[in-house]
Amino acid sequence: MADCAALVPDRALAEHFPDSPQTEHARTGGALAEVQGAPVEEVRPAIQRRLDRRDEALAPLHARQIALLADWRARRAGGDAAGADALLPELLLSVNAIASGLGATG
C-alpha cells in the first residue's frame, strides 16, 4: 500500500491512507479470531495458504500496475497526452489481470 501512496502528491493525504487498509485488515482479523476462537491461519490454514499464494503471485502485477500508473501520470502532467493514451491499454489490462487473480472485479 505504501507503493500506491507514493503516487499521491499530497503527502498528508498519502500518509493517512496507507494505514487504513492495514488497520481495517487487522481489525477484521481480530473480529474473526474472536468469533472463531483463534486466528484465521489456525482455524482455516488451507484458506490462509491459498491467500498467501495468491498474494505472492499478484505482487509482480501490483508492482507493474503502480509503475504504469506513475508513468501514465507523469506523461499526462508533462503534456504528453499521446504517450499517456498509448499506456492506457496496458494499464487497464493490469487492472483486469489483478481482478482476475483476486477472483473479483469489485
Protein backbone atom coordinates (compact mmCIF):
# COMPACT_ATOMS: atom_id res chain seq x y z
CA MET A 1 0.00 0.00 0.00
CA ALA A 2 2.92 2.34 0.66
CA ASP A 3 3.91 1.98 -3.00
CA CYS A 4 0.48 3.22 -4.07
CA ALA A 5 0.60 6.05 -1.53
CA ALA A 6 3.88 7.20 -3.07
CA LEU A 7 1.89 8.18 -6.17
CA VAL A 8 -0.20 10.69 -4.20
CA PRO A 9 1.27 14.19 -4.50
CA ASP A 10 -0.42 15.45 -1.29
CA ARG A 11 1.87 13.95 1.40
CA ALA A 12 -0.62 14.45 4.25
CA LEU A 13 -3.25 12.57 2.32
CA ALA A 14 -0.77 9.88 1.26
CA GLU A 15 0.32 9.32 4.84
CA HIS A 16 -3.27 8.91 6.01
CA PHE A 17 -4.29 6.14 3.65
CA PRO A 18 -1.52 3.53 3.86
CA ASP A 19 -2.58 2.71 7.40
CA SER A 20 -6.28 2.50 6.66
CA PRO A 21 -6.37 -0.82 4.74
CA GLN A 22 -3.83 -2.45 7.06
CA THR A 23 -5.69 -1.19 10.13
CA GLU A 24 -9.01 -2.44 8.76
CA HIS A 25 -7.45 -5.79 7.87
CA ALA A 26 -6.10 -6.19 11.40
CA ARG A 27 -9.45 -5.18 12.89
CA THR A 28 -11.31 -7.69 10.71
CA GLY A 29 -8.79 -10.42 11.55
CA GLY A 30 -9.26 -9.68 15.24
CA ALA A 31 -13.04 -9.85 14.93
CA LEU A 32 -12.84 -13.16 13.07
CA ALA A 33 -10.47 -14.57 15.68
CA GLU A 34 -12.88 -13.53 18.40
CA VAL A 35 -15.82 -15.21 16.68
CA GLN A 36 -13.88 -18.34 15.71
CA GLY A 37 -11.83 -18.61 18.87
CA ALA A 38 -8.47 -18.39 17.09
CA PRO A 39 -6.81 -16.53 14.19
CA VAL A 40 -7.89 -17.50 10.68
CA GLU A 41 -4.48 -19.04 9.93
CA GLU A 42 -5.09 -21.51 12.77
CA VAL A 43 -8.79 -22.16 12.17
CA ARG A 44 -8.58 -22.31 8.37
CA PRO A 45 -4.94 -22.99 7.45
CA ALA A 46 -5.78 -24.11 3.91
CA ILE A 47 -7.57 -20.83 3.19
CA GLN A 48 -4.66 -18.86 4.64
CA ARG A 49 -2.17 -20.77 2.47
CA ARG A 50 -4.31 -20.08 -0.60
CA LEU A 51 -4.47 -16.36 0.23
CA ASP A 52 -0.72 -16.25 0.82
CA ARG A 53 -0.02 -17.93 -2.54
CA ARG A 54 -2.42 -15.57 -4.30
CA ASP A 55 -0.83 -12.51 -2.74
CA GLU A 56 2.63 -13.71 -3.70
CA ALA A 57 1.55 -14.36 -7.27
CA LEU A 58 -0.14 -10.96 -7.61
CA ALA A 59 2.76 -8.93 -6.18
CA PRO A 60 4.55 -8.53 -9.56
CA LEU A 61 1.27 -7.42 -11.18
CA HIS A 62 0.71 -4.85 -8.45
CA ALA A 63 4.26 -3.53 -8.91
CA ARG A 64 3.78 -3.32 -12.69
CA GLN A 65 0.46 -1.53 -12.29
CA ILE A 66 2.00 1.05 -9.94
CA ALA A 67 4.86 1.66 -12.39
CA LEU A 68 2.42 2.04 -15.28
CA LEU A 69 0.23 4.42 -13.31
CA ALA A 70 3.23 6.54 -12.32
CA ASP A 71 4.38 6.68 -15.95
CA TRP A 72 0.86 7.49 -17.17
CA ARG A 73 0.50 10.32 -14.63
CA ALA A 74 3.95 11.71 -15.48
CA ARG A 75 3.16 11.75 -19.18
CA ARG A 76 -0.18 13.49 -18.57
CA ALA A 77 1.45 16.05 -16.27
CA GLY A 78 4.18 16.63 -18.86
CA GLY A 79 1.68 17.28 -21.63
CA ASP A 80 2.35 14.01 -23.45
CA ALA A 81 -1.29 13.03 -23.98
CA ALA A 82 -0.45 10.68 -26.86
CA GLY A 83 2.15 8.85 -24.76
CA ALA A 84 -0.27 8.60 -21.86
CA ASP A 85 -3.00 7.30 -24.16
CA ALA A 86 -0.61 4.67 -25.52
CA LEU A 87 -0.16 3.32 -21.96
CA LEU A 88 -3.87 3.01 -21.24
CA PRO A 89 -4.43 -0.44 -22.77
CA GLU A 90 -1.63 -1.98 -20.70
CA LEU A 91 -2.73 -0.10 -17.58
CA LEU A 92 -6.32 -1.32 -17.98
CA LEU A 93 -5.06 -4.83 -18.69
CA SER A 94 -3.21 -4.72 -15.37
CA VAL A 95 -6.48 -3.84 -13.62
CA ASN A 96 -8.21 -6.80 -15.29
CA ALA A 97 -5.33 -9.16 -14.50
CA ILE A 98 -5.36 -8.25 -10.82
CA ALA A 99 -9.16 -8.52 -10.62
CA SER A 100 -8.95 -11.93 -12.26
CA GLY A 101 -6.25 -13.03 -9.84
CA LEU A 102 -8.32 -11.86 -6.90
CA GLY A 103 -11.34 -13.65 -8.30
CA ALA A 104 -13.42 -10.47 -8.21
CA THR A 105 -13.95 -7.36 -10.24
CA GLY A 106 -15.16 -5.05 -7.47
